[in-house]
């Protein structure tokens, strides 16, 4: 029996992926983890979101209070000239799971400071799922890790605004 390709690989052939369209906010701790692992620096910049949906944080005041600066900019991973995330390689993300930005680890879970939401973030090509297969199952994710990363994310973004 041949092993089915991972959903993200199939997605990359099907359409632009989250690694090509998302404006990824790494926490300061994410930046340190990535720098320690990769030996790189200068992979972030401050930018006002191109996609106005990122500015709509009415349901999550903690996010707008701790992530966005007064000019509406926020720290994001730089992108390559073609729009790809700076850490997107030929076989997907070049960073190990526990080094990736917390928002990347959480995707496609949607969340607010209160916790994970029932509905997932739209974007993954559900038409590529096997019959009766769920997205979280196809991505080999689990809610326990997501809850841990969610708690860590909000702890880290709160620490950022306290340290400024």
Protein backbone atom coordinates (compact mmCIF):
# COMPACT_ATOMS: atom_id res chain seq x y z
CA UNK A 1 0.00 0.00 0.00
CA UNK A 2 1.42 3.38 -0.96
CA UNK A 3 1.33 6.18 1.55
CA UNK A 4 -0.83 9.13 0.54
CA UNK A 5 0.96 12.46 0.16
CA UNK A 6 0.59 14.91 3.02
CA UNK A 7 -2.25 17.38 2.49
CA UNK A 8 0.06 20.41 2.41
CA UNK A 9 2.04 18.89 -0.48
CA UNK A 10 -1.18 18.32 -2.44
CA UNK A 11 -2.35 21.82 -1.53
CA UNK A 12 0.86 23.35 -2.95
CA UNK A 13 0.14 21.75 -6.31
CA UNK A 14 -3.50 22.79 -6.17
CA UNK A 15 -3.24 26.47 -5.16
CA UNK A 16 -1.15 29.06 -3.32
CA UNK A 17 -0.66 27.86 0.23
CA UNK A 18 -0.86 29.61 3.58
CA UNK A 19 2.96 29.83 3.41
CA UNK A 20 2.55 31.99 0.30
CA UNK A 21 -0.42 34.15 1.24
CA UNK A 22 -0.33 34.69 5.01
CA UNK A 23 1.27 37.60 6.79
CA UNK A 24 2.85 35.69 9.67
CA UNK A 25 3.34 37.42 13.02
CA UNK A 26 6.16 35.81 15.03
CA UNK A 27 6.38 36.68 18.72
CA UNK A 28 9.71 37.93 20.06
CA UNK A 29 10.21 34.46 21.55
CA UNK A 30 9.46 32.90 18.12
CA UNK A 31 12.14 35.15 16.64
CA UNK A 32 14.65 33.97 19.27
CA UNK A 33 13.78 30.29 18.68
CA UNK A 34 14.12 30.68 14.92
CA UNK A 35 17.39 32.64 15.22
CA UNK A 36 18.84 30.05 17.62
CA UNK A 37 17.90 27.21 15.29
CA UNK A 38 18.78 28.80 11.95
CA UNK A 39 21.67 31.06 12.90
CA UNK A 40 19.90 33.80 10.94
CA UNK A 41 18.72 37.26 11.85
CA UNK A 42 16.92 40.00 9.97
CA UNK A 43 14.08 37.73 8.83
CA UNK A 44 11.34 39.98 10.24
CA UNK A 45 10.10 43.47 9.49
CA UNK A 46 7.36 45.78 10.71
CA UNK A 47 4.58 46.29 8.21
CA UNK A 48 0.95 47.40 8.10
CA UNK A 49 -1.08 44.37 6.95
CA UNK A 50 -1.76 44.24 3.22
CA UNK A 51 -4.86 42.18 3.94
CA UNK A 52 -7.30 44.33 5.94
CA UNK A 53 -8.76 41.20 7.56
CA UNK A 54 -5.66 41.13 9.77
CA UNK A 55 -6.68 44.52 11.20
CA UNK A 56 -10.19 43.32 12.11
CA UNK A 57 -9.57 42.18 15.66
CA UNK A 58 -12.87 43.24 17.24
CA UNK A 59 -13.35 39.74 18.63
CA UNK A 60 -9.85 39.64 20.15
CA UNK A 61 -8.86 42.94 21.80
CA UNK A 62 -5.78 41.31 23.37
CA UNK A 63 -4.39 40.65 19.90
CA UNK A 64 -4.82 44.26 18.76
CA UNK A 65 -3.53 45.60 22.09
CA UNK A 66 -0.39 43.43 22.21
CA UNK A 67 0.53 42.75 18.57
CA UNK A 68 -0.17 45.97 16.68
CA UNK A 69 1.79 49.18 17.15
CA UNK A 70 0.13 52.61 17.17
CA UNK A 71 0.70 52.98 13.40
CA UNK A 72 -1.14 49.64 12.83
CA UNK A 73 2.07 47.86 11.84
CA UNK A 74 3.22 44.62 13.39
CA UNK A 75 6.22 42.30 13.19
CA UNK A 76 5.92 39.82 10.33
CA UNK A 77 8.17 37.30 8.67
CA UNK A 78 9.75 38.70 5.54
CA UNK A 79 8.75 37.21 2.25
CA UNK A 80 10.79 36.24 -0.77
CA UNK A 81 10.36 38.30 -3.95
CA UNK A 82 7.72 35.82 -5.19
CA UNK A 83 5.65 36.26 -2.00
CA UNK A 84 6.66 32.98 -0.33
CA UNK A 85 7.51 32.90 3.36
CA UNK A 86 11.23 33.28 3.86
CA UNK A 87 11.26 29.82 5.48
CA UNK A 88 9.34 28.00 2.74
CA UNK A 89 11.54 25.44 1.02
CA UNK A 90 10.94 22.96 -1.78
CA UNK A 91 9.51 20.39 0.67
CA UNK A 92 7.56 22.83 2.87
CA UNK A 93 8.67 24.71 5.96
CA UNK A 94 12.39 24.36 6.64
CA UNK A 95 11.82 24.91 10.38
CA UNK A 96 11.06 22.02 12.74
CA UNK A 97 7.56 22.12 14.20
CA UNK A 98 8.58 23.33 17.68
CA UNK A 99 10.65 26.15 16.12
CA UNK A 100 7.97 27.51 13.78
CA UNK A 101 6.04 30.62 14.78
CA UNK A 102 3.18 29.73 17.10
CA UNK A 103 0.59 31.09 14.65
CA UNK A 104 1.92 28.68 12.01
CA UNK A 105 1.71 25.76 14.41
CA UNK A 106 -1.87 26.67 15.23
CA UNK A 107 -3.08 27.03 11.64
CA UNK A 108 -5.82 26.18 10.62
CA UNK A 109 -7.25 26.44 14.15
CA UNK A 110 -8.98 29.79 14.63
CA UNK A 111 -8.80 31.36 18.08
CA UNK A 112 -9.17 34.37 20.30
CA UNK A 113 -7.58 34.97 23.67
CA UNK A 114 -10.45 32.95 25.21
CA UNK A 115 -9.42 29.79 23.36
CA UNK A 116 -9.79 27.74 20.19
CA UNK A 117 -12.95 28.40 18.19
CA UNK A 118 -15.27 25.68 16.94
CA UNK A 119 -14.82 26.70 13.29
CA UNK A 120 -11.44 26.34 11.62
CA UNK A 121 -9.87 29.17 9.65
CA UNK A 122 -10.86 28.90 5.98
CA UNK A 123 -8.07 28.39 3.49
CA UNK A 124 -7.18 24.72 3.34
CA UNK A 125 -8.53 22.96 0.23
CA UNK A 126 -11.15 20.73 1.77
CA UNK A 127 -11.88 19.25 -1.65
CA UNK A 128 -8.55 17.41 -1.41
CA UNK A 129 -9.58 15.50 1.71
CA UNK A 130 -10.43 11.82 1.47
CA UNK A 131 -14.11 10.98 1.95
CA UNK A 132 -15.10 11.25 5.63
CA UNK A 133 -11.66 12.63 6.54
CA UNK A 134 -11.46 15.71 8.74
CA UNK A 135 -8.98 18.52 8.17
CA UNK A 136 -7.31 18.21 11.58
CA UNK A 137 -6.91 14.46 11.02
CA UNK A 138 -5.46 15.03 7.53
CA UNK A 139 -2.95 17.51 8.94
CA UNK A 140 -2.01 15.08 11.74
CA UNK A 141 -2.78 17.73 14.34
CA UNK A 142 -4.35 17.42 17.74
CA UNK A 143 -6.29 19.76 19.97
CA UNK A 144 -4.03 19.19 22.99
CA UNK A 145 -1.01 20.62 21.15
CA UNK A 146 -3.15 23.43 19.77
CA UNK A 147 -4.35 24.39 23.26
CA UNK A 148 -0.76 24.33 24.55
CA UNK A 149 0.47 26.51 21.66
CA UNK A 150 -2.50 28.86 22.07
CA UNK A 151 -1.68 29.37 25.76
CA UNK A 152 1.98 29.92 24.88
CA UNK A 153 1.09 32.40 22.10
CA UNK A 154 -0.98 34.64 24.35
CA UNK A 155 1.57 34.42 27.14
CA UNK A 156 4.29 35.51 24.69
CA UNK A 157 2.33 38.39 23.14
CA UNK A 158 1.42 39.72 26.60
CA UNK A 159 5.12 39.59 27.63
CA UNK A 160 6.03 41.63 24.54
CA UNK A 161 3.88 44.61 25.40
CA UNK A 162 5.03 44.46 29.03
CA UNK A 163 8.69 44.59 27.95
CA UNK A 164 8.28 47.62 25.66
